[in-house]
Amino acid sequence: MAQRQITVESEVGLHARPAATFVQTAAKASLDVTVAKQGGQPVNAKSILAVLALDVRQGDTVVIEAEGEGADELLDALALIASAP
């Protein structure tokens, strides 16, 4: 299992356009991918409704996990999206 812990830098958090890009990137992979606020329950990172329901705001820390071949590369890409200002 690969994991990344990221602080969200975007002024809008992981909402609207950043969330859509995040979910689209996750959905391209054939891996199970989850995202959670630090200390919270993980949700399917391929579900826009689940990601938006996390209510991730600027400065929040999220944990992204994936397992399987290509997990590290996928998590690197998702981390860039989540941490972009």
PDB file of N, CA and C in Angstrom:
ATOM      1  N   MET A   1       0.859  -1.180   0.000  1.00  0.00           N
ATOM      2  CA  MET A   1       0.000   0.000   0.000  1.00  0.00           C
ATOM      3  C   MET A   1       0.895   1.230   0.000  1.00  0.00           C
ATOM      4  N   ALA A   2       0.637   2.120  -0.955  1.00  0.00           N
ATOM      5  CA  ALA A   2       1.362   3.384  -1.029  1.00  0.00           C
ATOM      6  C   ALA A   2       0.490   4.473  -0.420  1.00  0.00           C
ATOM      7  N   GLN A   3       1.147   5.451   0.178  1.00  0.00           N
ATOM      8  CA  GLN A   3       0.405   6.499   0.877  1.00  0.00           C
ATOM      9  C   GLN A   3       1.124   7.830   0.743  1.00  0.00           C
ATOM     10  N   ARG A   4       0.353   8.897   0.646  1.00  0.00           N
ATOM     11  CA  ARG A   4       0.896  10.249   0.660  1.00  0.00           C
ATOM     12  C   ARG A   4       0.075  11.086   1.628  1.00  0.00           C
ATOM     13  N   GLN A   5       0.743  11.930   2.366  1.00  0.00           N
ATOM     14  CA  GLN A   5       0.082  12.888   3.257  1.00  0.00           C
ATOM     15  C   GLN A   5       0.386  14.271   2.699  1.00  0.00           C
ATOM     16  N   ILE A   6      -0.668  15.017   2.382  1.00  0.00           N
ATOM     17  CA  ILE A   6      -0.509  16.288   1.689  1.00  0.00           C
ATOM     18  C   ILE A   6      -1.280  17.387   2.406  1.00  0.00           C
ATOM     19  N   THR A   7      -0.689  18.569   2.468  1.00  0.00           N
ATOM     20  CA  THR A   7      -1.403  19.742   2.957  1.00  0.00           C
ATOM     21  C   THR A   7      -1.974  20.457   1.743  1.00  0.00           C
ATOM     22  N   VAL A   8      -3.268  20.715   1.760  1.00  0.00           N
ATOM     23  CA  VAL A   8      -3.956  21.348   0.643  1.00  0.00           C
ATOM     24  C   VAL A   8      -3.662  22.845   0.662  1.00  0.00           C
ATOM     25  N   GLU A   9      -3.150  23.355  -0.451  1.00  0.00           N
ATOM     26  CA  GLU A   9      -2.734  24.759  -0.532  1.00  0.00           C
ATOM     27  C   GLU A   9      -3.734  25.641  -1.268  1.00  0.00           C
ATOM     28  N   SER A  10      -4.593  25.061  -2.083  1.00  0.00           N
ATOM     29  CA  SER A  10      -5.534  25.845  -2.883  1.00  0.00           C
ATOM     30  C   SER A  10      -6.459  26.671  -1.991  1.00  0.00           C
ATOM     31  N   GLU A  11      -6.724  27.909  -2.414  1.00  0.00           N
ATOM     32  CA  GLU A  11      -7.619  28.788  -1.662  1.00  0.00           C
ATOM     33  C   GLU A  11      -9.026  28.208  -1.569  1.00  0.00           C
ATOM     34  N   VAL A  12      -9.420  27.404  -2.557  1.00  0.00           N
ATOM     35  CA  VAL A  12     -10.761  26.803  -2.550  1.00  0.00           C
ATOM     36  C   VAL A  12     -10.749  25.396  -1.976  1.00  0.00           C
ATOM     37  N   GLY A  13      -9.608  24.964  -1.464  1.00  0.00           N
ATOM     38  CA  GLY A  13      -9.494  23.618  -0.920  1.00  0.00           C
ATOM     39  C   GLY A  13      -9.596  22.582  -2.019  1.00  0.00           C
ATOM     40  N   LEU A  14     -10.165  21.448  -1.708  1.00  0.00           N
ATOM     41  CA  LEU A  14     -10.336  20.388  -2.697  1.00  0.00           C
ATOM     42  C   LEU A  14     -11.798  20.404  -3.133  1.00  0.00           C
ATOM     43  N   HIS A  15     -12.174  21.530  -3.750  1.00  0.00           N
ATOM     44  CA  HIS A  15     -13.542  21.749  -4.199  1.00  0.00           C
ATOM     45  C   HIS A  15     -13.524  22.167  -5.661  1.00  0.00           C
ATOM     46  N   ALA A  16     -14.662  22.095  -6.295  1.00  0.00           N
ATOM     47  CA  ALA A  16     -14.866  22.549  -7.662  1.00  0.00           C
ATOM     48  C   ALA A  16     -13.821  21.985  -8.618  1.00  0.00           C
ATOM     49  N   ARG A  17     -13.111  22.852  -9.284  1.00  0.00           N
ATOM     50  CA  ARG A  17     -12.165  22.423 -10.325  1.00  0.00           C
ATOM     51  C   ARG A  17     -11.050  21.521  -9.773  1.00  0.00           C
ATOM     52  N   PRO A  18     -10.400  21.861  -8.651  1.00  0.00           N
ATOM     53  CA  PRO A  18      -9.358  20.952  -8.147  1.00  0.00           C
ATOM     54  C   PRO A  18      -9.913  19.558  -7.830  1.00  0.00           C
ATOM     55  N   ALA A  19     -11.112  19.491  -7.280  1.00  0.00           N
ATOM     56  CA  ALA A  19     -11.715  18.184  -6.965  1.00  0.00           C
ATOM     57  C   ALA A  19     -12.013  17.413  -8.233  1.00  0.00           C
ATOM     58  N   ALA A  20     -12.518  18.090  -9.253  1.00  0.00           N
ATOM     59  CA  ALA A  20     -12.825  17.419 -10.520  1.00  0.00           C
ATOM     60  C   ALA A  20     -11.558  16.865 -11.159  1.00  0.00           C
ATOM     61  N   THR A  21     -10.498  17.656 -11.158  1.00  0.00           N
ATOM     62  CA  THR A  21      -9.226  17.189 -11.721  1.00  0.00           C
ATOM     63  C   THR A  21      -8.678  16.018 -10.915  1.00  0.00           C
ATOM     64  N   PHE A  22      -8.778  16.109  -9.605  1.00  0.00           N
ATOM     65  CA  PHE A  22      -8.317  15.044  -8.708  1.00  0.00           C
ATOM     66  C   PHE A  22      -9.060  13.737  -9.013  1.00  0.00           C
ATOM     67  N   VAL A  23     -10.388  13.804  -9.095  1.00  0.00           N
ATOM     68  CA  VAL A  23     -11.214  12.621  -9.331  1.00  0.00           C
ATOM     69  C   VAL A  23     -10.961  12.051 -10.725  1.00  0.00           C
ATOM     70  N   GLN A  24     -10.851  12.901 -11.731  1.00  0.00           N
ATOM     71  CA  GLN A  24     -10.587  12.432 -13.096  1.00  0.00           C
ATOM     72  C   GLN A  24      -9.252  11.704 -13.176  1.00  0.00           C
ATOM     73  N   THR A  25      -8.252  12.227 -12.498  1.00  0.00           N
ATOM     74  CA  THR A  25      -6.934  11.584 -12.490  1.00  0.00           C
ATOM     75  C   THR A  25      -7.011  10.231 -11.785  1.00  0.00           C
ATOM     76  N   ALA A  26      -7.677  10.180 -10.656  1.00  0.00           N
ATOM     77  CA  ALA A  26      -7.830   8.911  -9.928  1.00  0.00           C
ATOM     78  C   ALA A  26      -8.597   7.892 -10.756  1.00  0.00           C
ATOM     79  N   ALA A  27      -9.626   8.348 -11.469  1.00  0.00           N
ATOM     80  CA  ALA A  27     -10.489   7.451 -12.236  1.00  0.00           C
ATOM     81  C   ALA A  27      -9.774   6.816 -13.421  1.00  0.00           C
ATOM     82  N   LYS A  28      -8.708   7.432 -13.896  1.00  0.00           N
ATOM     83  CA  LYS A  28      -7.949   6.878 -15.020  1.00  0.00           C
ATOM     84  C   LYS A  28      -7.188   5.616 -14.639  1.00  0.00           C
ATOM     85  N   ALA A  29      -6.975   5.420 -13.362  1.00  0.00           N
ATOM     86  CA  ALA A  29      -6.195   4.272 -12.884  1.00  0.00           C
ATOM     87  C   ALA A  29      -7.119   3.093 -12.590  1.00  0.00           C
ATOM     88  N   SER A  30      -6.589   1.907 -12.773  1.00  0.00           N
ATOM     89  CA  SER A  30      -7.370   0.710 -12.463  1.00  0.00           C
ATOM     90  C   SER A  30      -7.142   0.267 -11.014  1.00  0.00           C
ATOM     91  N   LEU A  31      -6.628   1.165 -10.200  1.00  0.00           N
ATOM     92  CA  LEU A  31      -6.335   0.874  -8.797  1.00  0.00           C
ATOM     93  C   LEU A  31      -7.449   1.373  -7.897  1.00  0.00           C
ATOM     94  N   ASP A  32      -7.573   0.773  -6.724  1.00  0.00           N
ATOM     95  CA  ASP A  32      -8.445   1.321  -5.689  1.00  0.00           C
ATOM     96  C   ASP A  32      -7.693   2.479  -5.044  1.00  0.00           C
ATOM     97  N   VAL A  33      -8.321   3.627  -4.996  1.00  0.00           N
ATOM     98  CA  VAL A  33      -7.682   4.826  -4.454  1.00  0.00           C
ATOM     99  C   VAL A  33      -8.634   5.455  -3.447  1.00  0.00           C
ATOM    100  N   THR A  34      -8.106   5.798  -2.279  1.00  0.00           N
ATOM    101  CA  THR A  34      -8.920   6.466  -1.271  1.00  0.00           C
ATOM    102  C   THR A  34      -8.254   7.776  -0.853  1.00  0.00           C
ATOM    103  N   VAL A  35      -9.088   8.665  -0.315  1.00  0.00           N
ATOM    104  CA  VAL A  35      -8.600   9.924   0.234  1.00  0.00           C
ATOM    105  C   VAL A  35      -9.375  10.183   1.518  1.00  0.00           C
ATOM    106  N   ALA A  36      -8.698  10.759   2.483  1.00  0.00           N
ATOM    107  CA  ALA A  36      -9.336  11.076   3.767  1.00  0.00           C
ATOM    108  C   ALA A  36      -8.698  12.325   4.345  1.00  0.00           C
ATOM    109  N   LYS A  37      -9.494  13.074   5.098  1.00  0.00           N
ATOM    110  CA  LYS A  37      -8.895  14.117   5.916  1.00  0.00           C
ATOM    111  C   LYS A  37      -8.086  13.401   6.982  1.00  0.00           C
ATOM    112  N   GLN A  38      -6.998  13.995   7.401  1.00  0.00           N
ATOM    113  CA  GLN A  38      -6.158  13.371   8.419  1.00  0.00           C
ATOM    114  C   GLN A  38      -7.011  13.011   9.631  1.00  0.00           C
ATOM    115  N   GLY A  39      -6.985  11.726  10.002  1.00  0.00           N
ATOM    116  CA  GLY A  39      -7.733  11.245  11.142  1.00  0.00           C
ATOM    117  C   GLY A  39      -9.169  10.868  10.823  1.00  0.00           C
ATOM    118  N   GLY A  40      -9.593  11.078   9.566  1.00  0.00           N
ATOM    119  CA  GLY A  40     -10.968  10.780   9.176  1.00  0.00           C
ATOM    120  C   GLY A  40     -11.088   9.462   8.428  1.00  0.00           C
ATOM    121  N   GLN A  41     -12.310   9.153   8.049  1.00  0.00           N
ATOM    122  CA  GLN A  41     -12.583   7.923   7.310  1.00  0.00           C
ATOM    123  C   GLN A  41     -12.268   8.127   5.828  1.00  0.00           C
ATOM    124  N   PRO A  42     -11.603   7.146   5.208  1.00  0.00           N
ATOM    125  CA  PRO A  42     -11.293   7.264   3.778  1.00  0.00           C
ATOM    126  C   PRO A  42     -12.535   7.083   2.915  1.00  0.00           C
ATOM    127  N   VAL A  43     -12.531   7.779   1.773  1.00  0.00           N
ATOM    128  CA  VAL A  43     -13.597   7.658   0.788  1.00  0.00           C
ATOM    129  C   VAL A  43     -12.977   7.333  -0.571  1.00  0.00           C
ATOM    130  N   ASN A  44     -13.805   6.884  -1.481  1.00  0.00           N
ATOM    131  CA  ASN A  44     -13.378   6.558  -2.832  1.00  0.00           C
ATOM    132  C   ASN A  44     -12.922   7.834  -3.533  1.00  0.00           C
ATOM    133  N   ALA A  45     -11.669   7.884  -3.935  1.00  0.00           N
ATOM    134  CA  ALA A  45     -11.110   9.066  -4.590  1.00  0.00           C
ATOM    135  C   ALA A  45     -11.606   9.227  -6.016  1.00  0.00           C
ATOM    136  N   LYS A  46     -12.348   8.240  -6.525  1.00  0.00           N
ATOM    137  CA  LYS A  46     -12.895   8.308  -7.877  1.00  0.00           C
ATOM    138  C   LYS A  46     -14.326   8.835  -7.887  1.00  0.00           C
ATOM    139  N   SER A  47     -14.849   9.177  -6.734  1.00  0.00           N
ATOM    140  CA  SER A  47     -16.218   9.671  -6.607  1.00  0.00           C
ATOM    141  C   SER A  47     -16.215  11.159  -6.286  1.00  0.00           C
ATOM    142  N   ILE A  48     -16.705  11.980  -7.202  1.00  0.00           N
ATOM    143  CA  ILE A  48     -16.720  13.424  -6.982  1.00  0.00           C
ATOM    144  C   ILE A  48     -17.563  13.777  -5.764  1.00  0.00           C
ATOM    145  N   LEU A  49     -18.685  13.099  -5.590  1.00  0.00           N
ATOM    146  CA  LEU A  49     -19.535  13.400  -4.432  1.00  0.00           C
ATOM    147  C   LEU A  49     -18.844  13.059  -3.119  1.00  0.00           C
ATOM    148  N   ALA A  50     -18.136  11.941  -3.088  1.00  0.00           N
ATOM    149  CA  ALA A  50     -17.427  11.537  -1.871  1.00  0.00           C
ATOM    150  C   ALA A  50     -16.302  12.515  -1.548  1.00  0.00           C
ATOM    151  N   VAL A  51     -15.565  12.930  -2.569  1.00  0.00           N
ATOM    152  CA  VAL A  51     -14.448  13.856  -2.354  1.00  0.00           C
ATOM    153  C   VAL A  51     -14.975  15.217  -1.891  1.00  0.00           C
ATOM    154  N   LEU A  52     -16.043  15.711  -2.527  1.00  0.00           N
ATOM    155  CA  LEU A  52     -16.604  16.993  -2.112  1.00  0.00           C
ATOM    156  C   LEU A  52     -17.167  16.930  -0.697  1.00  0.00           C
ATOM    157  N   ALA A  53     -17.727  15.777  -0.321  1.00  0.00           N
ATOM    158  CA  ALA A  53     -18.316  15.629   1.019  1.00  0.00           C
ATOM    159  C   ALA A  53     -17.264  15.705   2.123  1.00  0.00           C
ATOM    160  N   LEU A  54     -16.000  15.483   1.780  1.00  0.00           N
ATOM    161  CA  LEU A  54     -14.934  15.601   2.786  1.00  0.00           C
ATOM    162  C   LEU A  54     -14.788  17.040   3.273  1.00  0.00           C
ATOM    163  N   ASP A  55     -15.222  17.991   2.463  1.00  0.00           N
ATOM    164  CA  ASP A  55     -15.133  19.408   2.814  1.00  0.00           C
ATOM    165  C   ASP A  55     -13.690  19.809   3.160  1.00  0.00           C
ATOM    166  N   VAL A  56     -12.775  19.463   2.267  1.00  0.00           N
ATOM    167  CA  VAL A  56     -11.360  19.771   2.465  1.00  0.00           C
ATOM    168  C   VAL A  56     -11.123  21.233   2.128  1.00  0.00           C
ATOM    169  N   ARG A  57     -10.532  21.946   3.072  1.00  0.00           N
ATOM    170  CA  ARG A  57     -10.270  23.379   2.919  1.00  0.00           C
ATOM    171  C   ARG A  57      -8.769  23.653   2.900  1.00  0.00           C
ATOM    172  N   GLN A  58      -8.428  24.854   2.505  1.00  0.00           N
ATOM    173  CA  GLN A  58      -7.027  25.265   2.481  1.00  0.00           C
ATOM    174  C   GLN A  58      -6.414  25.036   3.852  1.00  0.00           C
ATOM    175  N   GLY A  59      -5.242  24.397   3.873  1.00  0.00           N
ATOM    176  CA  GLY A  59      -4.537  24.137   5.118  1.00  0.00           C
ATOM    177  C   GLY A  59      -4.846  22.775   5.718  1.00  0.00           C
ATOM    178  N   ASP A  60      -5.918  22.111   5.257  1.00  0.00           N
ATOM    179  CA  ASP A  60      -6.227  20.764   5.752  1.00  0.00           C
ATOM    180  C   ASP A  60      -5.197  19.769   5.231  1.00  0.00           C
ATOM    181  N   THR A  61      -4.967  18.731   5.990  1.00  0.00           N
ATOM    182  CA  THR A  61      -4.086  17.649   5.569  1.00  0.00           C
ATOM    183  C   THR A  61      -4.941  16.469   5.147  1.00  0.00           C
ATOM    184  N   VAL A  62      -4.618  15.903   3.979  1.00  0.00           N
ATOM    185  CA  VAL A  62      -5.319  14.721   3.493  1.00  0.00           C
ATOM    186  C   VAL A  62      -4.332  13.577   3.332  1.00  0.00           C
ATOM    187  N   VAL A  63      -4.861  12.364   3.432  1.00  0.00           N
ATOM    188  CA  VAL A  63      -4.070  11.156   3.235  1.00  0.00           C
ATOM    189  C   VAL A  63      -4.664  10.430   2.032  1.00  0.00           C
ATOM    190  N   ILE A  64      -3.820  10.163   1.034  1.00  0.00           N
ATOM    191  CA  ILE A  64      -4.239   9.462  -0.168  1.00  0.00           C
ATOM    192  C   ILE A  64      -3.535   8.111  -0.166  1.00  0.00           C
ATOM    193  N   GLU A  65      -4.296   7.042  -0.445  1.00  0.00           N
ATOM    194  CA  GLU A  65      -3.722   5.694  -0.466  1.00  0.00           C
ATOM    195  C   GLU A  65      -4.147   4.967  -1.731  1.00  0.00           C
ATOM    196  N   ALA A  66      -3.246   4.134  -2.236  1.00  0.00           N
ATOM    197  CA  ALA A  66      -3.529   3.270  -3.381  1.00  0.00           C
ATOM    198  C   ALA A  66      -2.652   2.035  -3.270  1.00  0.00           C
ATOM    199  N   GLU A  67      -3.117   0.968  -3.879  1.00  0.00           N
ATOM    200  CA  GLU A  67      -2.360  -0.279  -3.833  1.00  0.00           C
ATOM    201  C   GLU A  67      -2.323  -0.878  -5.224  1.00  0.00           C
ATOM    202  N   GLY A  68      -1.147  -1.365  -5.595  1.00  0.00           N
ATOM    203  CA  GLY A  68      -0.995  -2.035  -6.875  1.00  0.00           C
ATOM    204  C   GLY A  68       0.088  -1.397  -7.720  1.00  0.00           C
ATOM    205  N   GLU A  69       0.284  -1.985  -8.884  1.00  0.00           N
ATOM    206  CA  GLU A  69       1.304  -1.494  -9.802  1.00  0.00           C
ATOM    207  C   GLU A  69       0.945  -0.094 -10.281  1.00  0.00           C
ATOM    208  N   GLY A  70       1.874   0.825 -10.155  1.00  0.00           N
ATOM    209  CA  GLY A  70       1.655   2.204 -10.553  1.00  0.00           C
ATOM    210  C   GLY A  70       1.105   3.086  -9.449  1.00  0.00           C
ATOM    211  N   ALA A  71       0.962   2.543  -8.241  1.00  0.00           N
ATOM    212  CA  ALA A  71       0.384   3.314  -7.136  1.00  0.00           C
ATOM    213  C   ALA A  71       1.224   4.547  -6.803  1.00  0.00           C
ATOM    214  N   ASP A  72       2.533   4.396  -6.764  1.00  0.00           N
ATOM    215  CA  ASP A  72       3.385   5.539  -6.413  1.00  0.00           C
ATOM    216  C   ASP A  72       3.250   6.668  -7.419  1.00  0.00           C
ATOM    217  N   GLU A  73       3.222   6.331  -8.709  1.00  0.00           N
ATOM    218  CA  GLU A  73       3.097   7.347  -9.750  1.00  0.00           C
ATOM    219  C   GLU A  73       1.736   8.048  -9.661  1.00  0.00           C
ATOM    220  N   LEU A  74       0.684   7.267  -9.439  1.00  0.00           N
ATOM    221  CA  LEU A  74      -0.649   7.851  -9.316  1.00  0.00           C
ATOM    222  C   LEU A  74      -0.709   8.783  -8.109  1.00  0.00           C
ATOM    223  N   LEU A  75      -0.182   8.344  -6.978  1.00  0.00           N
ATOM    224  CA  LEU A  75      -0.218   9.179  -5.781  1.00  0.00           C
ATOM    225  C   LEU A  75       0.609  10.447  -5.948  1.00  0.00           C
ATOM    226  N   ASP A  76       1.707  10.360  -6.680  1.00  0.00           N
ATOM    227  CA  ASP A  76       2.499  11.563  -6.967  1.00  0.00           C
ATOM    228  C   ASP A  76       1.662  12.572  -7.749  1.00  0.00           C
ATOM    229  N   ALA A  77       0.935  12.086  -8.769  1.00  0.00           N
ATOM    230  CA  ALA A  77       0.098  12.970  -9.588  1.00  0.00           C
ATOM    231  C   ALA A  77      -1.032  13.574  -8.752  1.00  0.00           C
ATOM    232  N   LEU A  78      -1.676  12.770  -7.925  1.00  0.00           N
ATOM    233  CA  LEU A  78      -2.766  13.268  -7.084  1.00  0.00           C
ATOM    234  C   LEU A  78      -2.243  14.256  -6.044  1.00  0.00           C
ATOM    235  N   ALA A  79      -1.048  14.006  -5.525  1.00  0.00           N
ATOM    236  CA  ALA A  79      -0.456  14.906  -4.537  1.00  0.00           C
ATOM    237  C   ALA A  79      -0.188  16.279  -5.159  1.00  0.00           C
ATOM    238  N   LEU A  80       0.257  16.307  -6.414  1.00  0.00           N
ATOM    239  CA  LEU A  80       0.493  17.580  -7.088  1.00  0.00           C
ATOM    240  C   LEU A  80      -0.810  18.376  -7.242  1.00  0.00           C
ATOM    241  N   ILE A  81      -1.877  17.681  -7.567  1.00  0.00           N
ATOM    242  CA  ILE A  81      -3.177  18.347  -7.720  1.00  0.00           C
ATOM    243  C   ILE A  81      -3.647  18.893  -6.380  1.00  0.00           C
ATOM    244  N   ALA A  82      -3.581  18.065  -5.351  1.00  0.00           N
ATOM    245  CA  ALA A  82      -4.075  18.459  -4.028  1.00  0.00           C
ATOM    246  C   ALA A  82      -3.245  19.558  -3.384  1.00  0.00           C
ATOM    247  N   SER A  83      -1.969  19.606  -3.700  1.00  0.00           N
ATOM    248  CA  SER A  83      -1.107  20.583  -3.045  1.00  0.00           C
ATOM    249  C   SER A  83      -0.889  21.847  -3.878  1.00  0.00           C
ATOM    250  N   ALA A  84      -1.492  21.916  -5.061  1.00  0.00           N
ATOM    251  CA  ALA A  84      -1.306  23.104  -5.910  1.00  0.00           C
ATOM    252  C   ALA A  84      -2.015  24.313  -5.292  1.00  0.00           C
ATOM    253  N   PRO A  85      -1.341  25.451  -5.311  1.00  0.00           N
ATOM    254  CA  PRO A  85      -1.962  26.657  -4.748  1.00  0.00           C
ATOM    255  C   PRO A  85      -3.086  27.191  -5.621  1.00  0.00           C
TER     256      PRO A  85
END
